[in-house]
């Protein structure tokens, strides 16, 4: 199963799980590699220390699921639903998301570096203490979202909508304030100085 996703090939898979009802299952400690999950119901599923490597998720429902110290490494998510899903200390390095929904998504800790979330509608989602180095957030809609203490160094934020977004404590060194929407965003004093400096302003005290 191959597809092109923003220039990256979708992972090749060896087996397929299709239209299964895994609602409420405990997948703690399981290992899944190169598996395609198609139209699978993972609502209220629990994972802990679980590993998904090079897997493809199409039309999968992750609603109200809870994931702790779980790895979704180099996975592809297409048309998946993450309503009220929780990811704590999880690793999603190199994973790509396309046409997914994220209402009330909560992410705490973990590593989402190199994740592809371009044009994702993350309004109201919460990311705290997460590493998102070089993540692709091009054109992402983050209105009213929380991005507290997030490492966004090297991230692509071009045309991102950060209206009303709480950005306090996050690394905004990759942010071009002229290429994003920042109306009503909440920032801390250090970030304010950095943004002012990037706009060519000279910040002085007194």
N, C-alpha and C. Protein backbone atom coordinates (compact mmCIF):
# COMPACT_ATOMS: atom_id res chain seq x y z
N UNK A 1 0.86 -1.18 0.00
CA UNK A 1 0.00 0.00 0.00
C UNK A 1 0.90 1.23 0.00
N UNK A 2 0.95 1.93 -1.10
CA UNK A 2 1.79 3.12 -1.18
C UNK A 2 0.98 4.31 -1.63
N UNK A 3 1.44 5.47 -1.25
CA UNK A 3 0.77 6.71 -1.60
C UNK A 3 1.81 7.80 -1.42
N UNK A 4 1.58 8.96 -2.04
CA UNK A 4 2.49 10.08 -1.88
C UNK A 4 1.88 11.07 -0.94
N UNK A 5 2.59 11.44 0.09
CA UNK A 5 2.11 12.38 1.09
C UNK A 5 3.13 13.49 1.21
N UNK A 6 2.83 14.63 0.54
CA UNK A 6 3.71 15.80 0.59
C UNK A 6 5.15 15.41 0.29
N UNK A 7 5.34 14.54 -0.70
CA UNK A 7 6.68 14.20 -1.12
C UNK A 7 7.26 13.00 -0.38
N UNK A 8 6.58 12.52 0.65
CA UNK A 8 7.08 11.37 1.40
C UNK A 8 6.23 10.15 1.05
N UNK A 9 6.87 9.03 0.80
CA UNK A 9 6.14 7.80 0.48
C UNK A 9 5.48 7.25 1.73
N UNK A 10 4.24 6.84 1.59
CA UNK A 10 3.55 6.19 2.70
C UNK A 10 4.23 4.86 2.98
N UNK A 11 4.29 4.45 4.25
CA UNK A 11 4.99 3.19 4.58
C UNK A 11 4.42 1.99 3.83
N UNK A 12 5.29 1.12 3.42
CA UNK A 12 4.88 -0.16 2.84
C UNK A 12 4.40 -1.04 3.99
N UNK A 13 3.25 -1.71 3.81
CA UNK A 13 2.73 -2.58 4.86
C UNK A 13 2.65 -4.02 4.38
N UNK A 14 2.71 -4.94 5.35
CA UNK A 14 2.70 -6.36 5.03
C UNK A 14 1.36 -7.02 5.33
N UNK A 15 0.65 -6.50 6.33
CA UNK A 15 -0.63 -7.09 6.72
C UNK A 15 -1.66 -5.99 6.90
N UNK A 16 -2.94 -6.37 6.86
CA UNK A 16 -4.03 -5.40 6.99
C UNK A 16 -5.04 -5.87 8.03
N UNK A 17 -5.44 -4.95 8.89
CA UNK A 17 -6.54 -5.18 9.83
C UNK A 17 -7.66 -4.26 9.37
N UNK A 18 -8.78 -4.83 8.97
CA UNK A 18 -9.84 -4.04 8.33
C UNK A 18 -11.17 -4.18 9.07
N UNK A 19 -11.78 -3.02 9.35
CA UNK A 19 -13.15 -2.95 9.90
C UNK A 19 -13.31 -3.75 11.18
N UNK A 20 -12.26 -3.79 11.99
CA UNK A 20 -12.34 -4.49 13.27
C UNK A 20 -12.85 -3.55 14.37
N UNK A 21 -13.57 -4.10 15.34
CA UNK A 21 -14.04 -3.33 16.49
C UNK A 21 -13.14 -3.65 17.68
N UNK A 22 -12.19 -2.72 17.94
CA UNK A 22 -11.28 -2.88 19.07
C UNK A 22 -11.66 -1.91 20.18
N UNK A 23 -12.87 -1.46 20.19
CA UNK A 23 -13.36 -0.48 21.17
C UNK A 23 -13.05 -0.95 22.59
N UNK A 24 -12.31 -0.09 23.33
CA UNK A 24 -12.04 -0.38 24.73
C UNK A 24 -10.96 -1.41 24.99
N UNK A 25 -10.29 -1.88 23.96
CA UNK A 25 -9.26 -2.90 24.18
C UNK A 25 -8.03 -2.32 24.84
N UNK A 26 -7.35 -3.14 25.63
CA UNK A 26 -6.08 -2.78 26.25
C UNK A 26 -4.97 -3.40 25.41
N UNK A 27 -4.19 -2.51 24.75
CA UNK A 27 -3.12 -2.98 23.86
C UNK A 27 -1.74 -2.82 24.51
N UNK A 28 -1.70 -2.75 25.82
CA UNK A 28 -0.45 -2.54 26.54
C UNK A 28 0.63 -3.53 26.12
N UNK A 29 1.79 -2.98 25.77
CA UNK A 29 2.96 -3.79 25.47
C UNK A 29 2.97 -4.47 24.11
N UNK A 30 1.93 -4.27 23.31
CA UNK A 30 1.89 -4.94 22.01
C UNK A 30 2.85 -4.29 21.02
N UNK A 31 3.25 -5.06 19.99
CA UNK A 31 4.14 -4.56 18.94
C UNK A 31 3.47 -4.78 17.59
N UNK A 32 3.36 -3.71 16.79
CA UNK A 32 2.77 -3.80 15.46
C UNK A 32 3.70 -3.12 14.48
N UNK A 33 4.15 -3.85 13.49
CA UNK A 33 5.09 -3.29 12.51
C UNK A 33 4.58 -3.54 11.10
N UNK A 34 4.56 -2.45 10.29
CA UNK A 34 4.16 -2.52 8.89
C UNK A 34 2.76 -3.10 8.73
N UNK A 35 1.85 -2.63 9.58
CA UNK A 35 0.46 -3.07 9.54
C UNK A 35 -0.42 -1.92 9.04
N UNK A 36 -1.37 -2.21 8.17
CA UNK A 36 -2.35 -1.22 7.74
C UNK A 36 -3.64 -1.45 8.52
N UNK A 37 -4.05 -0.43 9.27
CA UNK A 37 -5.31 -0.47 10.02
C UNK A 37 -6.32 0.35 9.22
N UNK A 38 -7.37 -0.28 8.71
CA UNK A 38 -8.33 0.39 7.85
C UNK A 38 -9.72 0.32 8.47
N UNK A 39 -10.32 1.50 8.73
CA UNK A 39 -11.67 1.59 9.31
C UNK A 39 -11.79 0.78 10.59
N UNK A 40 -10.77 0.85 11.43
CA UNK A 40 -10.76 0.14 12.71
C UNK A 40 -11.25 1.08 13.81
N UNK A 41 -12.07 0.57 14.73
CA UNK A 41 -12.58 1.37 15.84
C UNK A 41 -11.68 1.16 17.06
N UNK A 42 -10.89 2.20 17.39
CA UNK A 42 -10.02 2.16 18.57
C UNK A 42 -10.54 3.09 19.66
N UNK A 43 -11.85 3.39 19.63
CA UNK A 43 -12.45 4.25 20.64
C UNK A 43 -12.21 3.69 22.05
N UNK A 44 -11.74 4.57 22.95
CA UNK A 44 -11.47 4.23 24.35
C UNK A 44 -10.43 3.14 24.51
N UNK A 45 -9.65 2.89 23.46
CA UNK A 45 -8.55 1.93 23.56
C UNK A 45 -7.45 2.50 24.46
N UNK A 46 -6.78 1.62 25.18
CA UNK A 46 -5.68 2.01 26.07
C UNK A 46 -4.39 1.36 25.58
N UNK A 47 -3.33 2.17 25.46
CA UNK A 47 -2.01 1.61 25.15
C UNK A 47 -1.01 2.13 26.18
N UNK A 48 -0.07 1.31 26.52
CA UNK A 48 1.03 1.71 27.40
C UNK A 48 2.26 0.91 27.02
N UNK A 49 3.33 1.63 26.64
CA UNK A 49 4.54 0.94 26.21
C UNK A 49 4.34 0.16 24.93
N UNK A 50 3.33 0.53 24.17
CA UNK A 50 3.01 -0.15 22.91
C UNK A 50 3.83 0.48 21.78
N UNK A 51 4.10 -0.27 20.73
CA UNK A 51 4.90 0.25 19.62
C UNK A 51 4.22 -0.05 18.28
N UNK A 52 4.00 1.01 17.52
CA UNK A 52 3.52 0.91 16.14
C UNK A 52 4.62 1.48 15.26
N UNK A 53 5.20 0.66 14.40
CA UNK A 53 6.33 1.10 13.58
C UNK A 53 5.98 0.95 12.10
N UNK A 54 6.07 2.07 11.37
CA UNK A 54 5.78 2.01 9.93
C UNK A 54 4.38 1.55 9.62
N UNK A 55 3.41 1.90 10.48
CA UNK A 55 2.03 1.47 10.27
C UNK A 55 1.23 2.55 9.54
N UNK A 56 0.14 2.12 8.92
CA UNK A 56 -0.76 3.04 8.21
C UNK A 56 -2.14 2.94 8.87
N UNK A 57 -2.72 4.10 9.19
CA UNK A 57 -4.05 4.16 9.80
C UNK A 57 -4.96 4.94 8.86
N UNK A 58 -6.00 4.29 8.34
CA UNK A 58 -6.94 4.94 7.44
C UNK A 58 -8.35 4.84 8.01
N UNK A 59 -8.99 5.99 8.24
CA UNK A 59 -10.35 5.98 8.76
C UNK A 59 -10.47 5.36 10.13
N UNK A 60 -9.40 5.43 10.91
CA UNK A 60 -9.39 4.82 12.25
C UNK A 60 -9.93 5.82 13.28
N UNK A 61 -10.75 5.34 14.20
CA UNK A 61 -11.31 6.18 15.26
C UNK A 61 -10.52 5.97 16.54
N UNK A 62 -9.81 7.04 16.96
CA UNK A 62 -9.04 7.04 18.20
C UNK A 62 -9.79 7.79 19.30
N UNK A 63 -11.07 8.06 19.13
CA UNK A 63 -11.82 8.89 20.05
C UNK A 63 -11.74 8.38 21.49
N UNK A 64 -11.43 9.32 22.42
CA UNK A 64 -11.39 9.02 23.85
C UNK A 64 -10.38 7.92 24.20
N UNK A 65 -9.43 7.66 23.32
CA UNK A 65 -8.39 6.68 23.62
C UNK A 65 -7.29 7.32 24.46
N UNK A 66 -6.55 6.51 25.20
CA UNK A 66 -5.49 7.01 26.07
C UNK A 66 -4.20 6.25 25.80
N UNK A 67 -3.14 7.00 25.48
CA UNK A 67 -1.87 6.39 25.11
C UNK A 67 -0.76 6.92 26.01
N UNK A 68 -0.01 6.02 26.63
CA UNK A 68 1.05 6.41 27.55
C UNK A 68 2.35 5.71 27.16
N UNK A 69 3.39 6.52 26.95
CA UNK A 69 4.71 5.98 26.58
C UNK A 69 4.62 5.01 25.40
N UNK A 70 3.77 5.36 24.46
CA UNK A 70 3.58 4.54 23.27
C UNK A 70 4.26 5.20 22.07
N UNK A 71 4.78 4.39 21.16
CA UNK A 71 5.47 4.92 19.98
C UNK A 71 4.66 4.64 18.72
N UNK A 72 4.40 5.73 17.96
CA UNK A 72 3.83 5.62 16.61
C UNK A 72 4.91 6.21 15.69
N UNK A 73 5.91 5.41 15.36
CA UNK A 73 7.08 5.91 14.66
C UNK A 73 6.95 5.74 13.15
N UNK A 74 7.14 6.85 12.43
CA UNK A 74 7.05 6.83 10.96
C UNK A 74 5.75 6.20 10.48
N UNK A 75 4.66 6.57 11.13
CA UNK A 75 3.34 6.08 10.75
C UNK A 75 2.62 7.11 9.90
N UNK A 76 1.55 6.70 9.22
CA UNK A 76 0.75 7.60 8.41
C UNK A 76 -0.70 7.49 8.86
N UNK A 77 -1.32 8.66 9.12
CA UNK A 77 -2.71 8.72 9.57
C UNK A 77 -3.53 9.49 8.54
N UNK A 78 -4.54 8.86 7.98
CA UNK A 78 -5.39 9.50 6.98
C UNK A 78 -6.86 9.38 7.39
N UNK A 79 -7.54 10.52 7.45
CA UNK A 79 -8.97 10.57 7.80
C UNK A 79 -9.26 9.88 9.13
N UNK A 80 -8.36 10.06 10.10
CA UNK A 80 -8.56 9.49 11.43
C UNK A 80 -9.20 10.52 12.36
N UNK A 81 -9.89 10.04 13.38
CA UNK A 81 -10.55 10.91 14.35
C UNK A 81 -9.87 10.77 15.71
N UNK A 82 -9.48 11.91 16.29
CA UNK A 82 -8.77 11.92 17.57
C UNK A 82 -9.55 12.69 18.64
N UNK A 83 -10.88 12.70 18.56
CA UNK A 83 -11.67 13.47 19.51
C UNK A 83 -11.42 13.00 20.94
N UNK A 84 -10.98 13.93 21.80
CA UNK A 84 -10.75 13.67 23.22
C UNK A 84 -9.70 12.59 23.47
N UNK A 85 -8.82 12.37 22.48
CA UNK A 85 -7.73 11.39 22.67
C UNK A 85 -6.61 12.03 23.50
N UNK A 86 -5.90 11.21 24.26
CA UNK A 86 -4.82 11.68 25.13
C UNK A 86 -3.53 10.92 24.82
N UNK A 87 -2.46 11.69 24.60
CA UNK A 87 -1.14 11.10 24.37
C UNK A 87 -0.20 11.63 25.45
N UNK A 88 0.32 10.75 26.29
CA UNK A 88 1.21 11.15 27.38
C UNK A 88 2.57 10.48 27.22
N UNK A 89 3.60 11.31 27.02
CA UNK A 89 4.95 10.77 26.86
C UNK A 89 5.12 9.89 25.65
N UNK A 90 4.36 10.15 24.60
CA UNK A 90 4.40 9.30 23.41
C UNK A 90 5.38 9.81 22.36
N UNK A 91 5.81 8.92 21.51
CA UNK A 91 6.77 9.24 20.44
C UNK A 91 6.07 9.08 19.09
N UNK A 92 5.94 10.21 18.37
CA UNK A 92 5.34 10.18 17.03
C UNK A 92 6.30 10.76 16.01
N UNK A 93 7.58 10.53 16.20
CA UNK A 93 8.60 11.08 15.32
C UNK A 93 8.39 10.61 13.88
N UNK A 94 8.37 11.58 12.96
CA UNK A 94 8.29 11.26 11.54
C UNK A 94 6.93 10.80 11.06
N UNK A 95 5.90 10.90 11.89
CA UNK A 95 4.57 10.46 11.46
C UNK A 95 3.86 11.58 10.71
N UNK A 96 2.97 11.19 9.79
CA UNK A 96 2.29 12.15 8.93
C UNK A 96 0.78 12.04 9.09
N UNK A 97 0.12 13.21 9.14
CA UNK A 97 -1.32 13.27 9.36
C UNK A 97 -1.98 13.98 8.18
N UNK A 98 -3.08 13.41 7.68
CA UNK A 98 -3.76 14.01 6.53
C UNK A 98 -5.27 13.88 6.71
N UNK A 99 -5.98 15.01 6.66
CA UNK A 99 -7.45 15.04 6.71
C UNK A 99 -8.00 14.39 7.98
N UNK A 100 -7.29 14.57 9.10
CA UNK A 100 -7.75 14.03 10.38
C UNK A 100 -8.48 15.10 11.18
N UNK A 101 -9.24 14.68 12.20
CA UNK A 101 -9.91 15.62 13.10
C UNK A 101 -9.33 15.44 14.50
N UNK A 102 -9.22 16.58 15.24
CA UNK A 102 -8.45 16.57 16.49
C UNK A 102 -9.18 17.22 17.66
N UNK A 103 -10.49 17.30 17.65
CA UNK A 103 -11.22 18.00 18.70
C UNK A 103 -10.85 17.53 20.10
N UNK A 104 -10.45 18.47 20.96
CA UNK A 104 -10.09 18.22 22.36
C UNK A 104 -8.89 17.28 22.52
N UNK A 105 -8.06 17.16 21.49
CA UNK A 105 -6.84 16.36 21.60
C UNK A 105 -5.95 16.93 22.69
N UNK A 106 -5.37 16.04 23.52
CA UNK A 106 -4.48 16.46 24.60
C UNK A 106 -3.17 15.69 24.49
N UNK A 107 -2.06 16.45 24.37
CA UNK A 107 -0.73 15.84 24.26
C UNK A 107 0.14 16.40 25.37
N UNK A 108 0.72 15.53 26.18
CA UNK A 108 1.58 15.95 27.27
C UNK A 108 2.89 15.19 27.21
N UNK A 109 3.99 15.94 27.08
CA UNK A 109 5.29 15.29 26.99
C UNK A 109 5.44 14.51 25.68
N UNK A 110 6.59 13.89 25.53
CA UNK A 110 6.82 13.07 24.35
C UNK A 110 7.51 13.82 23.22
N UNK A 111 7.68 13.13 22.12
CA UNK A 111 8.45 13.65 20.98
C UNK A 111 7.65 13.50 19.69
N UNK A 112 7.26 14.66 19.13
CA UNK A 112 6.55 14.71 17.85
C UNK A 112 7.43 15.37 16.79
N UNK A 113 8.74 15.29 16.94
CA UNK A 113 9.64 15.91 15.97
C UNK A 113 9.42 15.34 14.58
N UNK A 114 9.55 16.20 13.57
CA UNK A 114 9.41 15.84 12.16
C UNK A 114 8.01 15.34 11.81
N UNK A 115 7.05 15.52 12.72
CA UNK A 115 5.67 15.14 12.39
C UNK A 115 5.12 16.08 11.33
N UNK A 116 4.31 15.56 10.43
CA UNK A 116 3.71 16.36 9.36
C UNK A 116 2.26 16.65 9.71
N UNK A 117 2.00 17.92 10.07
CA UNK A 117 0.67 18.36 10.46
C UNK A 117 0.24 19.57 9.64
N UNK A 118 0.75 19.67 8.44
CA UNK A 118 0.43 20.80 7.58
C UNK A 118 -1.08 20.88 7.36
N UNK A 119 -1.61 22.10 7.51
CA UNK A 119 -3.03 22.40 7.29
C UNK A 119 -3.96 21.71 8.28
N UNK A 120 -3.42 21.13 9.33
CA UNK A 120 -4.27 20.45 10.32
C UNK A 120 -5.10 21.47 11.10
N UNK A 121 -6.34 21.13 11.39
CA UNK A 121 -7.20 21.98 12.20
C UNK A 121 -7.06 21.53 13.65
N UNK A 122 -6.15 22.21 14.38
CA UNK A 122 -5.84 21.86 15.75
C UNK A 122 -6.44 22.85 16.74
N UNK A 123 -7.46 23.57 16.31
CA UNK A 123 -8.10 24.54 17.18
C UNK A 123 -8.61 23.89 18.46
N UNK A 124 -8.20 24.43 19.60
CA UNK A 124 -8.65 23.89 20.89
C UNK A 124 -7.83 22.72 21.40
N UNK A 125 -6.89 22.22 20.59
CA UNK A 125 -6.04 21.11 21.05
C UNK A 125 -5.01 21.63 22.06
N UNK A 126 -4.45 20.73 22.84
CA UNK A 126 -3.47 21.11 23.86
C UNK A 126 -2.20 20.30 23.72
N UNK A 127 -1.08 21.02 23.57
CA UNK A 127 0.24 20.40 23.54
C UNK A 127 1.08 21.04 24.65
N UNK A 128 1.55 20.27 25.60
CA UNK A 128 2.35 20.81 26.69
C UNK A 128 3.60 19.95 26.91
N UNK A 129 4.74 20.66 27.02
CA UNK A 129 6.03 20.00 27.28
C UNK A 129 6.35 18.95 26.21
N UNK A 130 6.06 19.27 24.97
CA UNK A 130 6.25 18.34 23.85
C UNK A 130 7.41 18.81 22.98
N UNK A 131 8.22 17.88 22.51
CA UNK A 131 9.25 18.22 21.53
C UNK A 131 8.65 18.09 20.14
N UNK A 132 8.65 19.21 19.39
CA UNK A 132 8.11 19.21 18.03
C UNK A 132 9.13 19.84 17.08
N UNK A 133 10.39 19.48 17.26
CA UNK A 133 11.45 20.04 16.42
C UNK A 133 11.23 19.68 14.96
N UNK A 134 11.32 20.69 14.11
CA UNK A 134 11.19 20.54 12.66
C UNK A 134 9.86 19.90 12.25
N UNK A 135 8.85 20.05 13.09
CA UNK A 135 7.52 19.58 12.69
C UNK A 135 6.97 20.50 11.60
N UNK A 136 6.15 19.95 10.73
CA UNK A 136 5.55 20.73 9.65
C UNK A 136 4.16 21.17 10.07
N UNK A 137 4.03 22.44 10.44
CA UNK A 137 2.75 23.03 10.83
C UNK A 137 2.33 24.10 9.82
N UNK A 138 2.81 23.98 8.61
CA UNK A 138 2.48 24.94 7.56
C UNK A 138 0.96 25.04 7.38
N UNK A 139 0.44 26.24 7.51
CA UNK A 139 -0.99 26.44 7.30
C UNK A 139 -1.89 25.82 8.35
N UNK A 140 -1.30 25.35 9.45
CA UNK A 140 -2.12 24.73 10.50
C UNK A 140 -3.00 25.77 11.18
N UNK A 141 -4.20 25.35 11.58
CA UNK A 141 -5.13 26.23 12.28
C UNK A 141 -5.10 25.88 13.77
N UNK A 142 -4.54 26.80 14.55
CA UNK A 142 -4.32 26.57 15.98
C UNK A 142 -5.07 27.58 16.83
N UNK A 143 -6.16 28.11 16.30
CA UNK A 143 -6.93 29.10 17.03
C UNK A 143 -7.43 28.55 18.36
N UNK A 144 -7.08 29.24 19.46
CA UNK A 144 -7.53 28.81 20.77
C UNK A 144 -6.81 27.59 21.31
N UNK A 145 -5.77 27.14 20.63
CA UNK A 145 -5.02 25.96 21.08
C UNK A 145 -4.03 26.35 22.18
N UNK A 146 -3.48 25.35 22.85
CA UNK A 146 -2.45 25.55 23.85
C UNK A 146 -1.17 24.89 23.37
N UNK A 147 -0.09 25.67 23.31
CA UNK A 147 1.23 25.16 22.97
C UNK A 147 2.19 25.66 24.05
N UNK A 148 2.13 25.08 25.23
CA UNK A 148 2.91 25.53 26.36
C UNK A 148 4.19 24.72 26.48
N UNK A 149 5.33 25.43 26.58
CA UNK A 149 6.63 24.78 26.77
C UNK A 149 6.91 23.72 25.69
N UNK A 150 6.57 24.09 24.46
CA UNK A 150 6.78 23.18 23.32
C UNK A 150 8.04 23.59 22.57
N UNK A 151 8.88 22.62 22.25
CA UNK A 151 10.10 22.88 21.50
C UNK A 151 9.76 22.88 20.01
N UNK A 152 9.59 24.09 19.46
CA UNK A 152 9.25 24.25 18.05
C UNK A 152 10.45 24.69 17.22
N UNK A 153 11.64 24.45 17.72
CA UNK A 153 12.83 24.87 16.99
C UNK A 153 12.88 24.20 15.62
N UNK A 154 13.08 24.99 14.58
CA UNK A 154 13.16 24.47 13.22
C UNK A 154 11.81 24.08 12.62
N UNK A 155 10.72 24.29 13.37
CA UNK A 155 9.40 23.92 12.86
C UNK A 155 8.97 24.87 11.75
N UNK A 156 8.17 24.36 10.82
CA UNK A 156 7.62 25.18 9.75
C UNK A 156 6.26 25.69 10.20
N UNK A 157 6.16 27.03 10.37
CA UNK A 157 4.92 27.64 10.85
C UNK A 157 4.35 28.62 9.83
N UNK A 158 4.83 28.59 8.62
CA UNK A 158 4.40 29.54 7.59
C UNK A 158 2.89 29.45 7.38
N UNK A 159 2.21 30.59 7.44
CA UNK A 159 0.78 30.72 7.24
C UNK A 159 -0.04 30.03 8.32
N UNK A 160 0.57 29.70 9.46
CA UNK A 160 -0.19 29.10 10.55
C UNK A 160 -1.07 30.15 11.22
N UNK A 161 -2.25 29.75 11.64
CA UNK A 161 -3.17 30.64 12.34
C UNK A 161 -3.05 30.36 13.84
N UNK A 162 -2.42 31.30 14.56
CA UNK A 162 -2.19 31.16 15.99
C UNK A 162 -3.09 32.10 16.79
N UNK A 163 -4.22 32.45 16.24
CA UNK A 163 -5.14 33.37 16.90
C UNK A 163 -5.55 32.84 18.27
N UNK A 164 -5.29 33.63 19.30
CA UNK A 164 -5.69 33.24 20.65
C UNK A 164 -4.95 32.05 21.20
N UNK A 165 -3.87 31.66 20.58
CA UNK A 165 -3.11 30.47 21.01
C UNK A 165 -2.22 30.82 22.20
N UNK A 166 -2.17 29.96 23.20
CA UNK A 166 -1.29 30.15 24.36
C UNK A 166 0.06 29.54 24.03
N UNK A 167 1.05 30.40 23.81
CA UNK A 167 2.37 29.96 23.36
C UNK A 167 3.43 30.07 24.45
N UNK A 168 3.05 30.40 25.66
CA UNK A 168 4.02 30.69 26.71
C UNK A 168 5.00 29.54 26.95
N UNK A 169 6.27 29.92 27.03
CA UNK A 169 7.32 28.96 27.32
C UNK A 169 7.81 28.17 26.13
N UNK A 170 7.20 28.35 24.97
CA UNK A 170 7.59 27.58 23.79
C UNK A 170 8.75 28.24 23.04
N UNK A 171 9.53 27.43 22.36
CA UNK A 171 10.63 27.92 21.53
C UNK A 171 10.04 28.41 20.22
N UNK A 172 10.06 29.73 20.03
CA UNK A 172 9.50 30.33 18.82
C UNK A 172 10.58 30.86 17.90
N UNK A 173 11.78 30.32 18.00
CA UNK A 173 12.90 30.83 17.21
C UNK A 173 12.68 30.66 15.71
N UNK A 174 11.80 29.72 15.32
CA UNK A 174 11.54 29.50 13.89
C UNK A 174 10.35 30.32 13.40
N UNK A 175 9.76 31.12 14.29
CA UNK A 175 8.55 31.86 13.94
C UNK A 175 8.87 33.16 13.21
N UNK A 176 8.26 33.34 12.05
CA UNK A 176 8.32 34.62 11.34
C UNK A 176 7.00 35.31 11.62
N UNK A 177 6.99 36.34 12.48
CA UNK A 177 5.72 36.98 12.86
C UNK A 177 4.96 37.60 11.70
N UNK A 178 5.63 37.82 10.59
CA UNK A 178 4.96 38.40 9.43
C UNK A 178 4.27 37.34 8.56
N UNK A 179 4.54 36.08 8.85
CA UNK A 179 3.96 35.01 8.02
C UNK A 179 2.89 34.22 8.73
N UNK A 180 2.54 34.61 9.97
CA UNK A 180 1.52 33.90 10.73
C UNK A 180 0.48 34.89 11.26
N UNK A 181 -0.64 34.35 11.72
CA UNK A 181 -1.67 35.17 12.36
C UNK A 181 -1.49 35.04 13.87
N UNK A 182 -1.20 36.16 14.54
CA UNK A 182 -0.91 36.13 15.97
C UNK A 182 -1.92 36.90 16.81
N UNK A 183 -3.01 37.33 16.24
CA UNK A 183 -3.98 38.14 16.98
C UNK A 183 -4.42 37.43 18.27
N UNK A 184 -4.33 38.16 19.38
CA UNK A 184 -4.77 37.68 20.70
C UNK A 184 -3.98 36.48 21.21
N UNK A 185 -2.86 36.13 20.57
CA UNK A 185 -2.03 35.04 21.09
C UNK A 185 -1.42 35.46 22.43
N UNK A 186 -1.21 34.48 23.31
CA UNK A 186 -0.65 34.76 24.64
C UNK A 186 0.81 34.33 24.64
N UNK A 187 1.70 35.29 24.94
CA UNK A 187 3.13 35.01 24.97
C UNK A 187 3.72 35.55 26.27
N UNK A 188 4.93 35.13 26.59
CA UNK A 188 5.59 35.61 27.80
C UNK A 188 6.56 36.74 27.43
N UNK A 189 7.11 37.47 28.42
CA UNK A 189 7.97 38.61 28.13
C UNK A 189 9.19 38.27 27.26
N UNK A 190 9.81 37.12 27.50
CA UNK A 190 10.98 36.74 26.70
C UNK A 190 10.59 36.54 25.24
N UNK A 191 9.44 35.94 25.01
CA UNK A 191 8.98 35.74 23.63
C UNK A 191 8.64 37.08 22.98
N UNK A 192 8.08 38.00 23.77
CA UNK A 192 7.74 39.32 23.23
C UNK A 192 8.99 40.04 22.75
N UNK A 193 10.06 39.94 23.51
CA UNK A 193 11.32 40.58 23.13
C UNK A 193 11.87 39.94 21.86
N UNK A 194 11.80 38.60 21.79
CA UNK A 194 12.31 37.90 20.61
C UNK A 194 11.53 38.29 19.36
N UNK A 195 10.21 38.37 19.48
CA UNK A 195 9.38 38.73 18.32
C UNK A 195 9.63 40.18 17.92
N UNK A 196 9.75 41.06 18.90
CA UNK A 196 10.03 42.46 18.59
C UNK A 196 11.37 42.59 17.88
N UNK A 197 12.36 41.86 18.33
CA UNK A 197 13.69 41.91 17.72
C UNK A 197 13.63 41.39 16.28
N UNK A 198 12.85 40.33 16.06
CA UNK A 198 12.76 39.75 14.71
C UNK A 198 12.07 40.73 13.75
N UNK A 199 11.30 41.67 14.31
CA UNK A 199 10.63 42.68 13.49
C UNK A 199 11.51 43.92 13.28
N UNK A 200 12.74 43.83 13.81
CA UNK A 200 13.66 44.95 13.61
C UNK A 200 13.55 46.03 14.67
N UNK A 201 12.80 45.78 15.74
CA UNK A 201 12.66 46.76 16.80
C UNK A 201 13.81 46.65 17.79
N UNK A 202 14.12 47.74 18.43
CA UNK A 202 15.16 47.75 19.45
C UNK A 202 14.50 47.87 20.81
N UNK A 203 14.67 46.86 21.63
CA UNK A 203 14.02 46.81 22.93
C UNK A 203 14.96 47.38 23.99
N UNK A 204 14.48 48.41 24.70
CA UNK A 204 15.27 49.02 25.76
C UNK A 204 14.44 49.11 27.04
N UNK A 205 15.10 49.03 28.16
CA UNK A 205 14.42 49.22 29.44
C UNK A 205 14.63 50.66 29.90
N UNK A 206 13.67 51.16 30.68
CA UNK A 206 13.80 52.51 31.22
C UNK A 206 13.51 53.61 30.23
